[in-house]
Amino acid sequence: MRRSCPSVGMPPRSPCPRAYSISLPSGAALHRGLNGLAQEMAARNGTFPAGVEGELDVELEMADRAFAQPGLGLERAFLDELASSYGAGIGAVDYRSDPEAARQAINAWVGEQTHTRIPELLAPGVLHHLTRLLLVNAVYLKADWAVPFSREATAPSTFHAPRGDTIVPFMRGSSPRRFATGEGWKAVELPYAGGKLAMTVVLPDEGRYGPVATGLDPGLLEIVAAAPTAEVDLALPKFDIGHAKSLRLLLSELGMPTAFGDQADFRL
């Protein structure tokens, strides 16, 4: 393990002085790596020929912004790093006087960056008069499948969810796809147009949802990515995904408990 406190301009008594277990590169190496990741993701964008279907599009956008209390006094090095490595600017919102207006302003920005797909990132009560700086990242993906599904083949069917059966529309199609099986699961890879992005769908066997869900790891994705192609008759339900998680406990366990207590010192 190595010490890592990726912030720019942190004082010696910062909230992550002994964050050994996070093991991230520090300083310029970290910023170069994250900037390279953003460029790799941007390279997935494009318009691709689709024969008689015309053209297929992939639109992948990332946006970063820091929302700070006016007068916070951020150091120039921090602002320069945000701009040069992440293309991020600073938005001024008055948490102290009106945290609700600040929340609405931040949500409006996120909604605009995600083309209204995420209209309310921050729920009421998340911000308060002591909030001073919020770092926001938004990712938007709208992509055509490499092998489009036929609208005419979409029809309602029963989805066996962990909490009970429900009727939802199912897309249907048959084509060669990467297909793999493992202990208690089956998986198929659905590439998007251009072949640089894909969705991996994992289907647990009956009664195996819990063990498979808790055991998901990068190794399973590697198995599917290396699997041979097979003719797969696929029925995929329409679904929405939403998830919220507090990082307080996780980061505390990784060595940053000071950041969430009265001894935290975020002066830049």
Protein backbone atom coordinates (compact mmCIF):
# COMPACT_ATOMS: atom_id res chain seq x y z
CA MET A 1 0.00 0.00 0.00
CA ARG A 2 1.12 3.56 -0.51
CA ARG A 3 0.00 6.87 0.83
CA SER A 4 -2.39 8.67 -1.43
CA CYS A 5 -4.20 11.93 -0.95
CA PRO A 6 -5.19 13.01 -4.48
CA SER A 7 -6.32 16.51 -3.52
CA VAL A 8 -4.46 19.56 -4.75
CA GLY A 9 -3.26 21.99 -2.08
CA MET A 10 -4.30 19.97 1.00
CA PRO A 11 -2.72 21.06 4.31
CA PRO A 12 -0.57 18.61 6.32
CA ARG A 13 -3.45 17.98 8.73
CA SER A 14 -5.90 17.03 6.03
CA PRO A 15 -8.78 14.55 6.29
CA CYS A 16 -6.77 11.88 4.44
CA PRO A 17 -3.26 12.01 5.95
CA ARG A 18 -3.05 8.25 6.42
CA ALA A 19 -5.20 6.92 3.58
CA TYR A 20 -2.76 4.11 2.84
CA SER A 21 -5.35 1.55 1.83
CA ILE A 22 -6.85 3.59 -1.03
CA SER A 23 -3.60 3.05 -2.98
CA LEU A 24 -4.19 5.60 -5.74
CA PRO A 25 -1.40 7.28 -7.65
CA SER A 26 -0.74 10.76 -6.35
CA GLY A 27 -0.29 14.16 -7.91
CA ALA A 28 0.26 14.51 -11.64
CA ALA A 29 0.09 10.75 -12.30
CA LEU A 30 -3.44 10.55 -10.93
CA HIS A 31 -4.64 13.55 -12.93
CA ARG A 32 -3.03 12.25 -16.14
CA GLY A 33 -4.64 8.87 -15.62
CA LEU A 34 -8.14 10.26 -15.08
CA ASN A 35 -7.72 12.64 -18.01
CA GLY A 36 -6.67 9.71 -20.19
CA LEU A 37 -9.73 7.75 -19.08
CA ALA A 38 -11.98 10.65 -20.07
CA GLN A 39 -10.31 10.82 -23.49
CA GLU A 40 -10.72 7.07 -23.98
CA MET A 41 -14.42 7.37 -23.22
CA ALA A 42 -14.80 10.32 -25.58
CA ALA A 43 -13.19 8.25 -28.34
CA ARG A 44 -16.19 5.90 -28.22
CA ASN A 45 -18.40 8.58 -29.80
CA GLY A 46 -19.22 8.38 -33.45
CA THR A 47 -21.62 7.66 -36.31
CA PHE A 48 -21.26 4.26 -37.91
CA PRO A 49 -22.65 2.80 -41.15
CA ALA A 50 -25.41 0.23 -40.75
CA GLY A 51 -26.08 -1.02 -44.29
CA VAL A 52 -29.74 -0.84 -45.22
CA GLU A 53 -30.51 0.48 -41.73
CA GLY A 54 -28.71 3.76 -42.49
CA GLU A 55 -26.49 4.98 -39.66
CA LEU A 56 -26.00 4.08 -36.02
CA ASP A 57 -24.90 6.58 -33.39
CA VAL A 58 -23.04 6.50 -30.09
CA GLU A 59 -23.22 9.63 -27.94
CA LEU A 60 -21.16 9.48 -24.75
CA GLU A 61 -20.65 12.70 -22.79
CA MET A 62 -18.90 13.45 -19.51
CA ALA A 63 -19.18 16.68 -17.57
CA ASP A 64 -17.46 17.81 -14.36
CA ARG A 65 -18.03 20.90 -12.28
CA ALA A 66 -17.22 22.15 -8.80
CA PHE A 67 -19.92 24.15 -7.04
CA ALA A 68 -18.39 26.38 -4.37
CA GLN A 69 -19.57 28.89 -1.81
CA PRO A 70 -18.62 32.43 -2.95
CA GLY A 71 -15.56 33.64 -1.08
CA LEU A 72 -14.29 30.14 -0.28
CA GLY A 73 -10.80 31.11 -1.42
CA LEU A 74 -9.80 28.14 -3.58
CA GLU A 75 -6.13 28.05 -4.53
CA ARG A 76 -5.10 28.78 -8.11
CA ALA A 77 -3.36 25.37 -8.39
CA PHE A 78 -6.64 23.62 -7.64
CA LEU A 79 -8.57 25.68 -10.18
CA ASP A 80 -5.90 25.17 -12.84
CA GLU A 81 -5.92 21.40 -12.29
CA LEU A 82 -9.69 21.26 -12.58
CA ALA A 83 -9.55 23.11 -15.87
CA SER A 84 -6.54 21.42 -17.47
CA SER A 85 -7.09 17.79 -16.41
CA TYR A 86 -10.87 17.59 -16.18
CA GLY A 87 -12.22 20.46 -18.26
CA ALA A 88 -14.15 21.54 -15.19
CA GLY A 89 -15.09 25.02 -14.12
CA ILE A 90 -16.43 26.51 -10.90
CA GLY A 91 -20.07 27.29 -10.28
CA ALA A 92 -20.93 29.73 -7.50
CA VAL A 93 -23.91 28.79 -5.31
CA ASP A 94 -24.82 30.25 -1.94
CA TYR A 95 -25.15 27.27 0.40
CA ARG A 96 -24.94 29.50 3.46
CA SER A 97 -27.95 31.70 2.67
CA ASP A 98 -30.14 29.38 0.57
CA PRO A 99 -29.11 25.71 0.34
CA GLU A 100 -32.37 24.79 -1.39
CA ALA A 101 -31.72 27.27 -4.22
CA ALA A 102 -28.19 25.85 -4.48
CA ARG A 103 -29.60 22.34 -4.75
CA GLN A 104 -31.98 23.36 -7.50
CA ALA A 105 -29.21 25.11 -9.44
CA ILE A 106 -26.95 22.04 -9.26
CA ASN A 107 -29.80 19.72 -10.27
CA ALA A 108 -30.61 21.97 -13.21
CA TRP A 109 -26.99 21.75 -14.40
CA VAL A 110 -26.97 17.96 -14.09
CA GLY A 111 -30.30 17.73 -15.92
CA GLU A 112 -28.94 19.82 -18.77
CA GLN A 113 -25.73 17.76 -19.03
CA THR A 114 -27.67 14.48 -19.08
CA HIS A 115 -30.38 15.70 -21.48
CA THR A 116 -32.97 15.53 -18.64
CA ARG A 117 -32.24 11.84 -17.92
CA ILE A 118 -31.15 12.76 -14.36
CA PRO A 119 -33.49 15.60 -13.34
CA GLU A 120 -32.80 15.42 -9.60
CA LEU A 121 -29.38 14.17 -8.58
CA LEU A 122 -29.58 15.80 -5.14
CA ALA A 123 -32.63 15.06 -3.02
CA PRO A 124 -34.10 17.67 -0.65
CA GLY A 125 -32.09 17.96 2.54
CA VAL A 126 -28.79 16.73 1.08
CA LEU A 127 -27.28 20.22 1.20
CA HIS A 128 -27.34 22.55 4.19
CA HIS A 129 -25.96 25.89 5.32
CA LEU A 130 -22.58 24.37 6.24
CA THR A 131 -21.93 22.93 2.75
CA ARG A 132 -19.07 24.73 1.05
CA LEU A 133 -17.87 22.71 -1.95
CA LEU A 134 -19.51 20.01 -4.07
CA LEU A 135 -17.78 18.11 -6.88
CA VAL A 136 -20.25 16.83 -9.48
CA ASN A 137 -19.64 14.38 -12.31
CA ALA A 138 -22.27 13.51 -14.91
CA VAL A 139 -22.10 10.83 -17.61
CA TYR A 140 -24.61 10.60 -20.47
CA LEU A 141 -24.83 7.66 -22.87
CA LYS A 142 -27.23 7.28 -25.76
CA ALA A 143 -26.19 4.53 -28.13
CA ASP A 144 -27.64 2.33 -30.83
CA TRP A 145 -27.13 -1.41 -30.64
CA ALA A 146 -24.69 -2.88 -33.13
CA VAL A 147 -27.48 -5.31 -34.02
CA PRO A 148 -30.72 -3.35 -33.57
CA PHE A 149 -33.81 -4.97 -32.14
CA SER A 150 -36.97 -4.92 -34.23
CA ARG A 151 -39.73 -2.72 -32.81
CA GLU A 152 -42.29 -5.13 -34.22
CA ALA A 153 -40.86 -7.97 -32.12
CA THR A 154 -41.31 -6.06 -28.82
CA ALA A 155 -44.18 -7.44 -26.74
CA PRO A 156 -45.20 -7.68 -23.06
CA SER A 157 -44.16 -10.74 -21.11
CA THR A 158 -43.53 -11.88 -17.52
CA PHE A 159 -40.30 -10.87 -15.81
CA HIS A 160 -39.40 -12.97 -12.76
CA ALA A 161 -38.01 -10.30 -10.42
CA PRO A 162 -36.60 -11.12 -6.95
CA ARG A 163 -39.65 -9.47 -5.34
CA GLY A 164 -42.20 -11.14 -7.57
CA ASP A 165 -43.35 -11.43 -11.16
CA THR A 166 -44.24 -8.36 -13.21
CA ILE A 167 -45.41 -7.73 -16.77
CA VAL A 168 -43.08 -5.51 -18.84
CA PRO A 169 -42.26 -4.99 -22.54
CA PHE A 170 -39.55 -7.33 -23.84
CA MET A 171 -37.25 -6.66 -26.79
CA ARG A 172 -36.54 -9.80 -28.79
CA GLY A 173 -33.93 -10.76 -31.30
CA SER A 174 -31.71 -13.60 -32.47
CA SER A 175 -28.11 -13.07 -33.60
CA PRO A 176 -24.54 -14.26 -32.90
CA ARG A 177 -23.35 -12.86 -29.55
CA ARG A 178 -20.71 -13.66 -26.97
CA PHE A 179 -22.29 -16.11 -24.56
CA ALA A 180 -20.91 -17.68 -21.38
CA THR A 181 -22.11 -19.72 -18.43
CA GLY A 182 -20.79 -20.15 -14.91
CA GLU A 183 -21.80 -21.48 -11.54
CA GLY A 184 -25.42 -20.41 -11.22
CA TRP A 185 -25.50 -17.92 -14.10
CA LYS A 186 -25.62 -17.26 -17.84
CA ALA A 187 -24.37 -14.07 -19.51
CA VAL A 188 -24.50 -12.46 -22.91
CA GLU A 189 -22.67 -9.45 -24.34
CA LEU A 190 -24.62 -6.85 -26.31
CA PRO A 191 -22.24 -4.59 -28.27
CA TYR A 192 -23.17 -1.05 -29.18
CA ALA A 193 -22.51 0.50 -32.58
CA GLY A 194 -18.82 0.85 -33.36
CA GLY A 195 -17.80 -2.17 -31.30
CA LYS A 196 -16.03 -0.16 -28.55
CA LEU A 197 -18.81 -0.29 -25.97
CA ALA A 198 -20.96 -3.19 -24.82
CA MET A 199 -23.51 -4.12 -22.19
CA THR A 200 -23.06 -7.42 -20.38
CA VAL A 201 -26.31 -8.96 -19.13
CA VAL A 202 -26.05 -11.61 -16.41
CA LEU A 203 -29.02 -13.93 -15.76
CA PRO A 204 -28.88 -15.88 -12.48
CA ASP A 205 -30.32 -19.38 -12.44
CA GLU A 206 -33.56 -19.86 -10.52
CA GLY A 207 -32.95 -19.38 -6.80
CA ARG A 208 -29.41 -18.06 -7.34
CA TYR A 209 -29.99 -14.31 -7.52
CA GLY A 210 -28.42 -13.52 -4.12
CA PRO A 211 -25.15 -15.45 -4.52
CA VAL A 212 -24.65 -14.28 -8.10
CA ALA A 213 -25.41 -10.62 -7.32
CA THR A 214 -23.04 -10.50 -4.35
CA GLY A 215 -20.34 -12.38 -6.25
CA LEU A 216 -20.16 -10.12 -9.31
CA ASP A 217 -16.60 -9.02 -10.03
CA PRO A 218 -14.37 -8.02 -13.00
CA GLY A 219 -13.46 -11.68 -13.48
CA LEU A 220 -16.96 -12.47 -14.70
CA LEU A 221 -16.78 -9.67 -17.27
CA GLU A 222 -13.44 -11.02 -18.47
CA ILE A 223 -14.98 -14.47 -18.92
CA VAL A 224 -17.78 -13.05 -21.05
CA ALA A 225 -15.40 -10.83 -23.07
CA ALA A 226 -13.31 -13.89 -23.95
CA ALA A 227 -16.27 -16.18 -24.66
CA PRO A 228 -16.96 -17.50 -28.17
CA THR A 229 -19.98 -16.27 -30.08
CA ALA A 230 -23.12 -18.34 -30.37
CA GLU A 231 -26.55 -17.84 -31.85
CA VAL A 232 -28.53 -16.39 -28.94
CA ASP A 233 -32.30 -16.03 -28.93
CA LEU A 234 -32.56 -13.07 -26.56
CA ALA A 235 -35.53 -11.55 -24.75
CA LEU A 236 -34.55 -8.41 -22.82
CA PRO A 237 -37.02 -6.59 -20.54
CA LYS A 238 -37.39 -2.82 -20.39
CA PHE A 239 -35.91 -1.55 -17.12
CA ASP A 240 -34.76 1.52 -15.21
CA ILE A 241 -31.65 1.57 -13.02
CA GLY A 242 -31.23 3.77 -9.98
CA HIS A 243 -28.74 3.55 -7.14
CA ALA A 244 -27.66 5.76 -4.28
CA LYS A 245 -24.83 5.05 -1.87
CA SER A 246 -23.14 6.97 0.90
CA LEU A 247 -19.34 6.71 0.82
CA ARG A 248 -18.92 7.76 4.43
CA LEU A 249 -18.52 4.26 5.87
CA LEU A 250 -16.50 2.97 2.90
CA LEU A 251 -14.02 5.86 2.94
CA SER A 252 -13.74 5.69 6.72
CA GLU A 253 -12.81 2.01 6.46
CA LEU A 254 -10.24 2.88 3.78
CA GLY A 255 -8.47 5.26 6.14
CA MET A 256 -10.34 8.59 5.91
CA PRO A 257 -12.43 8.76 9.11
CA THR A 258 -11.13 12.27 9.89
CA ALA A 259 -12.96 13.65 6.85
CA PHE A 260 -16.32 12.97 8.50
CA GLY A 261 -15.65 14.24 12.01
CA ASP A 262 -15.14 17.51 13.84
CA GLN A 263 -11.36 17.36 13.23
CA ALA A 264 -11.67 17.60 9.43
CA ASP A 265 -9.61 20.40 7.90
CA PHE A 266 -10.41 21.08 4.25
CA ARG A 267 -8.54 24.36 4.00
CA LEU A 268 -6.79 24.65 0.64
